[in-house]
Amino acid sequence: MTSDHGILEVRIAAPAEHAAHIAQLLVTERLAACAQVLPGMTSTYRWDGEVVSSDEHLVIAKSHRGRFDRICERVGEIHPYETPEIIAVPVIDASASYAAWLLAEIGAGEPL
């Protein structure tokens, strides 16, 4: 059974030295209930007409779609990249207790 609880998994690629700070900021500011940092990722992409590779970490933040614009804004303020990867993946279902915890942690009683 699926439910429209609005929970998102927000994925942010970042250099290793910035990933933990991004995760901490999102949770501290209640933009995410939880943020995990997965180390050891290599991204290959085209930038300024060249194919480049970067060693990065992946930050996975659990949040709500009502917080996504603010997440993009805050990450954009502190991320070292001109165009950071910030993408949202909808969570189609979650346990009721986890969804309730997540929404409480990000202040779902406040305007999302």
PDB file of N, CA and C in Angstrom:
ATOM      1  N   MET A   1       0.849  -1.176   0.000  1.00  0.00           N
ATOM      2  CA  MET A   1       0.000   0.000   0.000  1.00  0.00           C
ATOM      3  C   MET A   1       0.895   1.239   0.000  1.00  0.00           C
ATOM      4  N   THR A   2       0.592   2.202  -0.830  1.00  0.00           N
ATOM      5  CA  THR A   2       1.356   3.435  -0.855  1.00  0.00           C
ATOM      6  C   THR A   2       0.552   4.541  -0.180  1.00  0.00           C
ATOM      7  N   SER A   3       1.283   5.545   0.279  1.00  0.00           N
ATOM      8  CA  SER A   3       0.616   6.684   0.892  1.00  0.00           C
ATOM      9  C   SER A   3       1.317   7.953   0.441  1.00  0.00           C
ATOM     10  N   ASP A   4       0.567   9.022   0.334  1.00  0.00           N
ATOM     11  CA  ASP A   4       1.166  10.286  -0.084  1.00  0.00           C
ATOM     12  C   ASP A   4       1.531  11.095   1.152  1.00  0.00           C
ATOM     13  N   HIS A   5       2.626  10.719   1.746  1.00  0.00           N
ATOM     14  CA  HIS A   5       3.106  11.394   2.943  1.00  0.00           C
ATOM     15  C   HIS A   5       4.071  12.525   2.600  1.00  0.00           C
ATOM     16  N   GLY A   6       4.491  12.620   1.330  1.00  0.00           N
ATOM     17  CA  GLY A   6       5.364  13.705   0.892  1.00  0.00           C
ATOM     18  C   GLY A   6       6.827  13.523   1.232  1.00  0.00           C
ATOM     19  N   ILE A   7       7.208  12.347   1.725  1.00  0.00           N
ATOM     20  CA  ILE A   7       8.602  12.125   2.109  1.00  0.00           C
ATOM     21  C   ILE A   7       9.472  12.004   0.862  1.00  0.00           C
ATOM     22  N   LEU A   8      10.619  12.647   0.933  1.00  0.00           N
ATOM     23  CA  LEU A   8      11.605  12.606  -0.141  1.00  0.00           C
ATOM     24  C   LEU A   8      12.929  12.089   0.384  1.00  0.00           C
ATOM     25  N   GLU A   9      13.685  11.514  -0.521  1.00  0.00           N
ATOM     26  CA  GLU A   9      15.088  11.238  -0.289  1.00  0.00           C
ATOM     27  C   GLU A   9      15.819  12.250  -1.177  1.00  0.00           C
ATOM     28  N   VAL A  10      16.549  13.155  -0.571  1.00  0.00           N
ATOM     29  CA  VAL A  10      17.260  14.183  -1.321  1.00  0.00           C
ATOM     30  C   VAL A  10      18.717  13.757  -1.419  1.00  0.00           C
ATOM     31  N   ARG A  11      19.208  13.672  -2.646  1.00  0.00           N
ATOM     32  CA  ARG A  11      20.575  13.211  -2.902  1.00  0.00           C
ATOM     33  C   ARG A  11      21.445  14.385  -3.325  1.00  0.00           C
ATOM     34  N   ILE A  12      22.578  14.508  -2.648  1.00  0.00           N
ATOM     35  CA  ILE A  12      23.490  15.616  -2.888  1.00  0.00           C
ATOM     36  C   ILE A  12      24.901  15.053  -3.011  1.00  0.00           C
ATOM     37  N   ALA A  13      25.507  15.237  -4.169  1.00  0.00           N
ATOM     38  CA  ALA A  13      26.904  14.832  -4.358  1.00  0.00           C
ATOM     39  C   ALA A  13      27.787  15.997  -3.922  1.00  0.00           C
ATOM     40  N   ALA A  14      28.853  15.680  -3.184  1.00  0.00           N
ATOM     41  CA  ALA A  14      29.728  16.738  -2.668  1.00  0.00           C
ATOM     42  C   ALA A  14      31.141  16.200  -2.457  1.00  0.00           C
ATOM     43  N   PRO A  15      32.124  17.097  -2.515  1.00  0.00           N
ATOM     44  CA  PRO A  15      33.482  16.673  -2.162  1.00  0.00           C
ATOM     45  C   PRO A  15      33.500  16.154  -0.721  1.00  0.00           C
ATOM     46  N   ALA A  16      34.377  15.218  -0.454  1.00  0.00           N
ATOM     47  CA  ALA A  16      34.448  14.573   0.860  1.00  0.00           C
ATOM     48  C   ALA A  16      34.512  15.584   1.998  1.00  0.00           C
ATOM     49  N   GLU A  17      35.280  16.632   1.826  1.00  0.00           N
ATOM     50  CA  GLU A  17      35.479  17.592   2.919  1.00  0.00           C
ATOM     51  C   GLU A  17      34.259  18.473   3.181  1.00  0.00           C
ATOM     52  N   HIS A  18      33.229  18.389   2.353  1.00  0.00           N
ATOM     53  CA  HIS A  18      32.021  19.196   2.539  1.00  0.00           C
ATOM     54  C   HIS A  18      30.796  18.365   2.912  1.00  0.00           C
ATOM     55  N   ALA A  19      30.816  17.083   2.664  1.00  0.00           N
ATOM     56  CA  ALA A  19      29.625  16.244   2.818  1.00  0.00           C
ATOM     57  C   ALA A  19      29.095  16.215   4.251  1.00  0.00           C
ATOM     58  N   ALA A  20      29.951  15.999   5.227  1.00  0.00           N
ATOM     59  CA  ALA A  20      29.492  15.921   6.617  1.00  0.00           C
ATOM     60  C   ALA A  20      28.888  17.246   7.068  1.00  0.00           C
ATOM     61  N   HIS A  21      29.480  18.346   6.636  1.00  0.00           N
ATOM     62  CA  HIS A  21      28.959  19.666   7.002  1.00  0.00           C
ATOM     63  C   HIS A  21      27.559  19.874   6.417  1.00  0.00           C
ATOM     64  N   ILE A  22      27.360  19.467   5.185  1.00  0.00           N
ATOM     65  CA  ILE A  22      26.044  19.581   4.549  1.00  0.00           C
ATOM     66  C   ILE A  22      25.017  18.742   5.314  1.00  0.00           C
ATOM     67  N   ALA A  23      25.368  17.513   5.638  1.00  0.00           N
ATOM     68  CA  ALA A  23      24.464  16.637   6.387  1.00  0.00           C
ATOM     69  C   ALA A  23      24.101  17.249   7.735  1.00  0.00           C
ATOM     70  N   GLN A  24      25.097  17.735   8.452  1.00  0.00           N
ATOM     71  CA  GLN A  24      24.888  18.340   9.771  1.00  0.00           C
ATOM     72  C   GLN A  24      23.977  19.569   9.676  1.00  0.00           C
ATOM     73  N   LEU A  25      24.220  20.409   8.704  1.00  0.00           N
ATOM     74  CA  LEU A  25      23.429  21.619   8.523  1.00  0.00           C
ATOM     75  C   LEU A  25      21.958  21.293   8.265  1.00  0.00           C
ATOM     76  N   LEU A  26      21.706  20.329   7.377  1.00  0.00           N
ATOM     77  CA  LEU A  26      20.325  19.987   7.038  1.00  0.00           C
ATOM     78  C   LEU A  26      19.548  19.468   8.247  1.00  0.00           C
ATOM     79  N   VAL A  27      20.207  18.655   9.068  1.00  0.00           N
ATOM     80  CA  VAL A  27      19.530  18.122  10.253  1.00  0.00           C
ATOM     81  C   VAL A  27      19.398  19.205  11.325  1.00  0.00           C
ATOM     82  N   THR A  28      20.449  19.977  11.545  1.00  0.00           N
ATOM     83  CA  THR A  28      20.414  21.041  12.559  1.00  0.00           C
ATOM     84  C   THR A  28      19.304  22.046  12.267  1.00  0.00           C
ATOM     85  N   GLU A  29      19.141  22.406  10.999  1.00  0.00           N
ATOM     86  CA  GLU A  29      18.134  23.399  10.622  1.00  0.00           C
ATOM     87  C   GLU A  29      16.758  22.783  10.369  1.00  0.00           C
ATOM     88  N   ARG A  30      16.608  21.509  10.700  1.00  0.00           N
ATOM     89  CA  ARG A  30      15.343  20.776  10.544  1.00  0.00           C
ATOM     90  C   ARG A  30      14.823  20.771   9.114  1.00  0.00           C
ATOM     91  N   LEU A  31      15.758  20.813   8.178  1.00  0.00           N
ATOM     92  CA  LEU A  31      15.393  20.651   6.771  1.00  0.00           C
ATOM     93  C   LEU A  31      15.350  19.181   6.406  1.00  0.00           C
ATOM     94  N   ALA A  32      15.994  18.368   7.219  1.00  0.00           N
ATOM     95  CA  ALA A  32      15.982  16.914   7.064  1.00  0.00           C
ATOM     96  C   ALA A  32      15.933  16.293   8.452  1.00  0.00           C
ATOM     97  N   ALA A  33      15.280  15.154   8.554  1.00  0.00           N
ATOM     98  CA  ALA A  33      15.228  14.438   9.831  1.00  0.00           C
ATOM     99  C   ALA A  33      16.486  13.608  10.040  1.00  0.00           C
ATOM    100  N   CYS A  34      17.081  13.183   8.941  1.00  0.00           N
ATOM    101  CA  CYS A  34      18.234  12.296   8.974  1.00  0.00           C
ATOM    102  C   CYS A  34      19.023  12.543   7.697  1.00  0.00           C
ATOM    103  N   ALA A  35      20.343  12.477   7.801  1.00  0.00           N
ATOM    104  CA  ALA A  35      21.169  12.589   6.601  1.00  0.00           C
ATOM    105  C   ALA A  35      22.319  11.598   6.732  1.00  0.00           C
ATOM    106  N   GLN A  36      22.508  10.811   5.715  1.00  0.00           N
ATOM    107  CA  GLN A  36      23.576   9.824   5.694  1.00  0.00           C
ATOM    108  C   GLN A  36      24.620  10.256   4.675  1.00  0.00           C
ATOM    109  N   VAL A  37      25.867   9.989   4.991  1.00  0.00           N
ATOM    110  CA  VAL A  37      26.964  10.293   4.075  1.00  0.00           C
ATOM    111  C   VAL A  37      27.569   8.968   3.627  1.00  0.00           C
ATOM    112  N   LEU A  38      27.484   8.714   2.331  1.00  0.00           N
ATOM    113  CA  LEU A  38      28.057   7.499   1.758  1.00  0.00           C
ATOM    114  C   LEU A  38      29.359   7.881   1.061  1.00  0.00           C
ATOM    115  N   PRO A  39      30.471   7.358   1.542  1.00  0.00           N
ATOM    116  CA  PRO A  39      31.770   7.749   0.976  1.00  0.00           C
ATOM    117  C   PRO A  39      32.146   6.943  -0.265  1.00  0.00           C
ATOM    118  N   GLY A  40      33.166   7.435  -0.926  1.00  0.00           N
ATOM    119  CA  GLY A  40      33.825   6.650  -1.961  1.00  0.00           C
ATOM    120  C   GLY A  40      33.125   6.551  -3.289  1.00  0.00           C
ATOM    121  N   MET A  41      32.594   7.624  -3.783  1.00  0.00           N
ATOM    122  CA  MET A  41      31.883   7.620  -5.059  1.00  0.00           C
ATOM    123  C   MET A  41      32.713   8.415  -6.067  1.00  0.00           C
ATOM    124  N   THR A  42      32.754   7.951  -7.282  1.00  0.00           N
ATOM    125  CA  THR A  42      33.386   8.710  -8.357  1.00  0.00           C
ATOM    126  C   THR A  42      32.313   9.111  -9.352  1.00  0.00           C
ATOM    127  N   SER A  43      32.200  10.403  -9.601  1.00  0.00           N
ATOM    128  CA  SER A  43      31.229  10.913 -10.566  1.00  0.00           C
ATOM    129  C   SER A  43      31.953  11.307 -11.844  1.00  0.00           C
ATOM    130  N   THR A  44      31.393  10.921 -12.964  1.00  0.00           N
ATOM    131  CA  THR A  44      31.924  11.312 -14.270  1.00  0.00           C
ATOM    132  C   THR A  44      30.828  12.096 -14.970  1.00  0.00           C
ATOM    133  N   TYR A  45      31.184  13.277 -15.458  1.00  0.00           N
ATOM    134  CA  TYR A  45      30.192  14.171 -16.041  1.00  0.00           C
ATOM    135  C   TYR A  45      30.867  15.144 -17.004  1.00  0.00           C
ATOM    136  N   ARG A  46      30.037  15.811 -17.788  1.00  0.00           N
ATOM    137  CA  ARG A  46      30.548  16.809 -18.714  1.00  0.00           C
ATOM    138  C   ARG A  46      30.406  18.177 -18.057  1.00  0.00           C
ATOM    139  N   TRP A  47      31.496  18.943 -18.024  1.00  0.00           N
ATOM    140  CA  TRP A  47      31.487  20.288 -17.454  1.00  0.00           C
ATOM    141  C   TRP A  47      32.361  21.192 -18.308  1.00  0.00           C
ATOM    142  N   ASP A  48      31.820  22.317 -18.715  1.00  0.00           N
ATOM    143  CA  ASP A  48      32.540  23.271 -19.569  1.00  0.00           C
ATOM    144  C   ASP A  48      33.119  22.590 -20.808  1.00  0.00           C
ATOM    145  N   GLY A  49      32.333  21.673 -21.394  1.00  0.00           N
ATOM    146  CA  GLY A  49      32.738  21.022 -22.632  1.00  0.00           C
ATOM    147  C   GLY A  49      33.734  19.897 -22.488  1.00  0.00           C
ATOM    148  N   GLU A  50      34.095  19.555 -21.266  1.00  0.00           N
ATOM    149  CA  GLU A  50      35.074  18.488 -21.021  1.00  0.00           C
ATOM    150  C   GLU A  50      34.437  17.388 -20.175  1.00  0.00           C
ATOM    151  N   VAL A  51      34.873  16.161 -20.380  1.00  0.00           N
ATOM    152  CA  VAL A  51      34.460  15.063 -19.511  1.00  0.00           C
ATOM    153  C   VAL A  51      35.457  15.007 -18.361  1.00  0.00           C
ATOM    154  N   VAL A  52      34.923  15.118 -17.152  1.00  0.00           N
ATOM    155  CA  VAL A  52      35.763  15.123 -15.952  1.00  0.00           C
ATOM    156  C   VAL A  52      35.243  14.082 -14.963  1.00  0.00           C
ATOM    157  N   SER A  53      36.099  13.685 -14.052  1.00  0.00           N
ATOM    158  CA  SER A  53      35.720  12.787 -12.963  1.00  0.00           C
ATOM    159  C   SER A  53      36.123  13.420 -11.648  1.00  0.00           C
ATOM    160  N   SER A  54      35.275  13.232 -10.638  1.00  0.00           N
ATOM    161  CA  SER A  54      35.538  13.778  -9.307  1.00  0.00           C
ATOM    162  C   SER A  54      35.264  12.713  -8.255  1.00  0.00           C
ATOM    163  N   ASP A  55      36.123  12.652  -7.258  1.00  0.00           N
ATOM    164  CA  ASP A  55      35.869  11.800  -6.096  1.00  0.00           C
ATOM    165  C   ASP A  55      34.930  12.571  -5.185  1.00  0.00           C
ATOM    166  N   GLU A  56      33.821  11.942  -4.831  1.00  0.00           N
ATOM    167  CA  GLU A  56      32.805  12.619  -4.039  1.00  0.00           C
ATOM    168  C   GLU A  56      32.219  11.673  -2.995  1.00  0.00           C
ATOM    169  N   HIS A  57      31.439  12.247  -2.108  1.00  0.00           N
ATOM    170  CA  HIS A  57      30.588  11.508  -1.187  1.00  0.00           C
ATOM    171  C   HIS A  57      29.153  11.816  -1.588  1.00  0.00           C
ATOM    172  N   LEU A  58      28.246  10.920  -1.235  1.00  0.00           N
ATOM    173  CA  LEU A  58      26.832  11.139  -1.499  1.00  0.00           C
ATOM    174  C   LEU A  58      26.118  11.376  -0.171  1.00  0.00           C
ATOM    175  N   VAL A  59      25.456  12.510  -0.065  1.00  0.00           N
ATOM    176  CA  VAL A  59      24.625  12.810   1.098  1.00  0.00           C
ATOM    177  C   VAL A  59      23.198  12.430   0.723  1.00  0.00           C
ATOM    178  N   ILE A  60      22.583  11.603   1.557  1.00  0.00           N
ATOM    179  CA  ILE A  60      21.185  11.221   1.351  1.00  0.00           C
ATOM    180  C   ILE A  60      20.407  11.755   2.551  1.00  0.00           C
ATOM    181  N   ALA A  61      19.565  12.743   2.287  1.00  0.00           N
ATOM    182  CA  ALA A  61      18.798  13.390   3.350  1.00  0.00           C
ATOM    183  C   ALA A  61      17.338  12.974   3.253  1.00  0.00           C
ATOM    184  N   LYS A  62      16.734  12.630   4.382  1.00  0.00           N
ATOM    185  CA  LYS A  62      15.320  12.255   4.431  1.00  0.00           C
ATOM    186  C   LYS A  62      14.540  13.496   4.843  1.00  0.00           C
ATOM    187  N   SER A  63      13.614  13.908   3.991  1.00  0.00           N
ATOM    188  CA  SER A  63      12.894  15.154   4.233  1.00  0.00           C
ATOM    189  C   SER A  63      11.477  15.070   3.680  1.00  0.00           C
ATOM    190  N   HIS A  64      10.895  16.221   3.444  1.00  0.00           N
ATOM    191  CA  HIS A  64       9.537  16.349   2.923  1.00  0.00           C
ATOM    192  C   HIS A  64       9.566  17.291   1.739  1.00  0.00           C
ATOM    193  N   ARG A  65       8.696  17.055   0.766  1.00  0.00           N
ATOM    194  CA  ARG A  65       8.719  17.893  -0.444  1.00  0.00           C
ATOM    195  C   ARG A  65       8.518  19.371  -0.125  1.00  0.00           C
ATOM    196  N   GLY A  66       7.870  19.687   0.973  1.00  0.00           N
ATOM    197  CA  GLY A  66       7.688  21.075   1.377  1.00  0.00           C
ATOM    198  C   GLY A  66       8.974  21.753   1.807  1.00  0.00           C
ATOM    199  N   ARG A  67      10.018  20.986   2.045  1.00  0.00           N
ATOM    200  CA  ARG A  67      11.320  21.533   2.451  1.00  0.00           C
ATOM    201  C   ARG A  67      12.326  21.573   1.286  1.00  0.00           C
ATOM    202  N   PHE A  68      11.969  21.009   0.130  1.00  0.00           N
ATOM    203  CA  PHE A  68      12.947  20.859  -0.941  1.00  0.00           C
ATOM    204  C   PHE A  68      13.518  22.187  -1.437  1.00  0.00           C
ATOM    205  N   ASP A  69      12.701  23.189  -1.659  1.00  0.00           N
ATOM    206  CA  ASP A  69      13.220  24.465  -2.145  1.00  0.00           C
ATOM    207  C   ASP A  69      14.215  25.074  -1.160  1.00  0.00           C
ATOM    208  N   ARG A  70      13.908  24.984   0.116  1.00  0.00           N
ATOM    209  CA  ARG A  70      14.814  25.532   1.141  1.00  0.00           C
ATOM    210  C   ARG A  70      16.107  24.719   1.194  1.00  0.00           C
ATOM    211  N   ILE A  71      16.025  23.401   1.034  1.00  0.00           N
ATOM    212  CA  ILE A  71      17.231  22.571   0.981  1.00  0.00           C
ATOM    213  C   ILE A  71      18.115  23.025  -0.178  1.00  0.00           C
ATOM    214  N   CYS A  72      17.513  23.212  -1.346  1.00  0.00           N
ATOM    215  CA  CYS A  72      18.287  23.673  -2.508  1.00  0.00           C
ATOM    216  C   CYS A  72      18.958  25.007  -2.225  1.00  0.00           C
ATOM    217  N   GLU A  73      18.238  25.895  -1.602  1.00  0.00           N
ATOM    218  CA  GLU A  73      18.772  27.223  -1.284  1.00  0.00           C
ATOM    219  C   GLU A  73      19.956  27.121  -0.313  1.00  0.00           C
ATOM    220  N   ARG A  74      19.759  26.405   0.794  1.00  0.00           N
ATOM    221  CA  ARG A  74      20.816  26.306   1.826  1.00  0.00           C
ATOM    222  C   ARG A  74      22.041  25.572   1.305  1.00  0.00           C
ATOM    223  N   VAL A  75      21.835  24.459   0.609  1.00  0.00           N
ATOM    224  CA  VAL A  75      22.975  23.718   0.060  1.00  0.00           C
ATOM    225  C   VAL A  75      23.705  24.592  -0.952  1.00  0.00           C
ATOM    226  N   GLY A  76      22.965  25.308  -1.777  1.00  0.00           N
ATOM    227  CA  GLY A  76      23.577  26.199  -2.750  1.00  0.00           C
ATOM    228  C   GLY A  76      24.443  27.275  -2.120  1.00  0.00           C
ATOM    229  N   GLU A  77      24.099  27.695  -0.912  1.00  0.00           N
ATOM    230  CA  GLU A  77      24.869  28.718  -0.205  1.00  0.00           C
ATOM    231  C   GLU A  77      26.211  28.210   0.297  1.00  0.00           C
ATOM    232  N   ILE A  78      26.303  26.915   0.600  1.00  0.00           N
ATOM    233  CA  ILE A  78      27.536  26.399   1.215  1.00  0.00           C
ATOM    234  C   ILE A  78      28.297  25.403   0.348  1.00  0.00           C
ATOM    235  N   HIS A  79      27.670  24.919  -0.709  1.00  0.00           N
ATOM    236  CA  HIS A  79      28.308  23.910  -1.563  1.00  0.00           C
ATOM    237  C   HIS A  79      29.389  24.571  -2.415  1.00  0.00           C
ATOM    238  N   PRO A  80      30.532  23.917  -2.590  1.00  0.00           N
ATOM    239  CA  PRO A  80      31.607  24.539  -3.362  1.00  0.00           C
ATOM    240  C   PRO A  80      31.391  24.542  -4.876  1.00  0.00           C
ATOM    241  N   TYR A  81      30.453  23.734  -5.370  1.00  0.00           N
ATOM    242  CA  TYR A  81      30.224  23.670  -6.813  1.00  0.00           C
ATOM    243  C   TYR A  81      29.298  24.793  -7.270  1.00  0.00           C
ATOM    244  N   GLU A  82      29.523  25.267  -8.473  1.00  0.00           N
ATOM    245  CA  GLU A  82      28.660  26.275  -9.081  1.00  0.00           C
ATOM    246  C   GLU A  82      27.252  25.723  -9.310  1.00  0.00           C
ATOM    247  N   THR A  83      27.172  24.456  -9.710  1.00  0.00           N
ATOM    248  CA  THR A  83      25.898  23.794  -9.970  1.00  0.00           C
ATOM    249  C   THR A  83      25.897  22.443  -9.261  1.00  0.00           C
ATOM    250  N   PRO A  84      25.606  22.434  -7.956  1.00  0.00           N
ATOM    251  CA  PRO A  84      25.634  21.156  -7.238  1.00  0.00           C
ATOM    252  C   PRO A  84      24.473  20.246  -7.645  1.00  0.00           C
ATOM    253  N   GLU A  85      24.732  18.963  -7.571  1.00  0.00           N
ATOM    254  CA  GLU A  85      23.671  17.979  -7.794  1.00  0.00           C
ATOM    255  C   GLU A  85      22.815  17.909  -6.543  1.00  0.00           C
ATOM    256  N   ILE A  86      21.574  18.310  -6.674  1.00  0.00           N
ATOM    257  CA  ILE A  86      20.587  18.212  -5.595  1.00  0.00           C
ATOM    258  C   ILE A  86      19.324  17.676  -6.253  1.00  0.00           C
ATOM    259  N   ILE A  87      19.032  16.412  -6.018  1.00  0.00           N
ATOM    260  CA  ILE A  87      17.858  15.811  -6.648  1.00  0.00           C
ATOM    261  C   ILE A  87      16.990  15.151  -5.585  1.00  0.00           C
ATOM    262  N   ALA A  88      15.696  15.150  -5.837  1.00  0.00           N
ATOM    263  CA  ALA A  88      14.752  14.539  -4.909  1.00  0.00           C
ATOM    264  C   ALA A  88      14.149  13.298  -5.535  1.00  0.00           C
ATOM    265  N   VAL A  89      14.080  12.257  -4.748  1.00  0.00           N
ATOM    266  CA  VAL A  89      13.462  11.003  -5.163  1.00  0.00           C
ATOM    267  C   VAL A  89      12.298  10.760  -4.203  1.00  0.00           C
ATOM    268  N   PRO A  90      11.080  10.663  -4.723  1.00  0.00           N
ATOM    269  CA  PRO A  90       9.953  10.437  -3.818  1.00  0.00           C
ATOM    270  C   PRO A  90      10.021   9.053  -3.184  1.00  0.00           C
ATOM    271  N   VAL A  91       9.662   9.003  -1.925  1.00  0.00           N
ATOM    272  CA  VAL A  91       9.556   7.735  -1.208  1.00  0.00           C
ATOM    273  C   VAL A  91       8.097   7.309  -1.346  1.00  0.00           C
ATOM    274  N   ILE A  92       7.871   6.203  -2.024  1.00  0.00           N
ATOM    275  CA  ILE A  92       6.485   5.824  -2.296  1.00  0.00           C
ATOM    276  C   ILE A  92       5.786   5.206  -1.091  1.00  0.00           C
ATOM    277  N   ASP A  93       6.554   4.725  -0.146  1.00  0.00           N
ATOM    278  CA  ASP A  93       5.956   4.208   1.068  1.00  0.00           C
ATOM    279  C   ASP A  93       6.992   4.188   2.173  1.00  0.00           C
ATOM    280  N   ALA A  94       6.528   4.225   3.393  1.00  0.00           N
ATOM    281  CA  ALA A  94       7.385   4.162   4.575  1.00  0.00           C
ATOM    282  C   ALA A  94       6.532   3.613   5.712  1.00  0.00           C
ATOM    283  N   SER A  95       7.185   3.034   6.686  1.00  0.00           N
ATOM    284  CA  SER A  95       6.405   2.566   7.831  1.00  0.00           C
ATOM    285  C   SER A  95       5.747   3.776   8.491  1.00  0.00           C
ATOM    286  N   ALA A  96       4.590   3.568   9.064  1.00  0.00           N
ATOM    287  CA  ALA A  96       3.851   4.663   9.690  1.00  0.00           C
ATOM    288  C   ALA A  96       4.665   5.310  10.802  1.00  0.00           C
ATOM    289  N   SER A  97       5.370   4.503  11.584  1.00  0.00           N
ATOM    290  CA  SER A  97       6.134   5.067  12.693  1.00  0.00           C
ATOM    291  C   SER A  97       7.323   5.896  12.190  1.00  0.00           C
ATOM    292  N   TYR A  98       7.991   5.433  11.124  1.00  0.00           N
ATOM    293  CA  TYR A  98       9.108   6.196  10.576  1.00  0.00           C
ATOM    294  C   TYR A  98       8.613   7.510   9.964  1.00  0.00           C
ATOM    295  N   ALA A  99       7.529   7.452   9.201  1.00  0.00           N
ATOM    296  CA  ALA A  99       6.981   8.660   8.591  1.00  0.00           C
ATOM    297  C   ALA A  99       6.589   9.672   9.653  1.00  0.00           C
ATOM    298  N   ALA A 100       5.952   9.214  10.719  1.00  0.00           N
ATOM    299  CA  ALA A 100       5.549  10.115  11.801  1.00  0.00           C
ATOM    300  C   ALA A 100       6.772  10.736  12.470  1.00  0.00           C
ATOM    301  N   TRP A 101       7.800   9.919  12.732  1.00  0.00           N
ATOM    302  CA  TRP A 101       9.037  10.443  13.336  1.00  0.00           C
ATOM    303  C   TRP A 101       9.669  11.491  12.442  1.00  0.00           C
ATOM    304  N   LEU A 102       9.797  11.180  11.150  1.00  0.00           N
ATOM    305  CA  LEU A 102      10.425  12.105  10.208  1.00  0.00           C
ATOM    306  C   LEU A 102       9.685  13.439  10.185  1.00  0.00           C
ATOM    307  N   LEU A 103       8.384  13.397  10.041  1.00  0.00           N
ATOM    308  CA  LEU A 103       7.610  14.625   9.969  1.00  0.00           C
ATOM    309  C   LEU A 103       7.708  15.426  11.265  1.00  0.00           C
ATOM    310  N   ALA A 104       7.742  14.739  12.397  1.00  0.00           N
ATOM    311  CA  ALA A 104       7.899  15.435  13.681  1.00  0.00           C
ATOM    312  C   ALA A 104       9.269  16.102  13.783  1.00  0.00           C
ATOM    313  N   GLU A 105      10.306  15.423  13.322  1.00  0.00           N
ATOM    314  CA  GLU A 105      11.669  15.962  13.419  1.00  0.00           C
ATOM    315  C   GLU A 105      11.908  17.192  12.564  1.00  0.00           C
ATOM    316  N   ILE A 106      11.214  17.288  11.442  1.00  0.00           N
ATOM    317  CA  ILE A 106      11.421  18.476  10.598  1.00  0.00           C
ATOM    318  C   ILE A 106      10.382  19.545  10.906  1.00  0.00           C
ATOM    319  N   GLY A 107       9.581  19.323  11.928  1.00  0.00           N
ATOM    320  CA  GLY A 107       8.603  20.334  12.321  1.00  0.00           C
ATOM    321  C   GLY A 107       7.431  20.410  11.384  1.00  0.00           C
ATOM    322  N   ALA A 108       6.807  19.269  11.135  1.00  0.00           N
ATOM    323  CA  ALA A 108       5.689  19.227  10.198  1.00  0.00           C
ATOM    324  C   ALA A 108       4.510  20.076  10.674  1.00  0.00           C
ATOM    325  N   GLY A 109       4.499  20.438  11.965  1.00  0.00           N
ATOM    326  CA  GLY A 109       3.448  21.326  12.465  1.00  0.00           C
ATOM    327  C   GLY A 109       3.642  22.753  11.978  1.00  0.00           C
ATOM    328  N   GLU A 110       4.860  23.064  11.554  1.00  0.00           N
ATOM    329  CA  GLU A 110       5.152  24.388  11.001  1.00  0.00           C
ATOM    330  C   GLU A 110       4.851  24.357   9.520  1.00  0.00           C
ATOM    331  N   PRO A 111       4.694  25.509   8.902  1.00  0.00           N
ATOM    332  CA  PRO A 111       4.448  25.500   7.453  1.00  0.00           C
ATOM    333  C   PRO A 111       5.597  24.818   6.704  1.00  0.00           C
ATOM    334  N   LEU A 112       5.242  23.886   5.842  1.00  0.00           N
ATOM    335  CA  LEU A 112       6.234  23.230   5.008  1.00  0.00           C
ATOM    336  C   LEU A 112       6.323  24.045   3.780  1.00  0.00           C
TER     337      LEU A 112
END
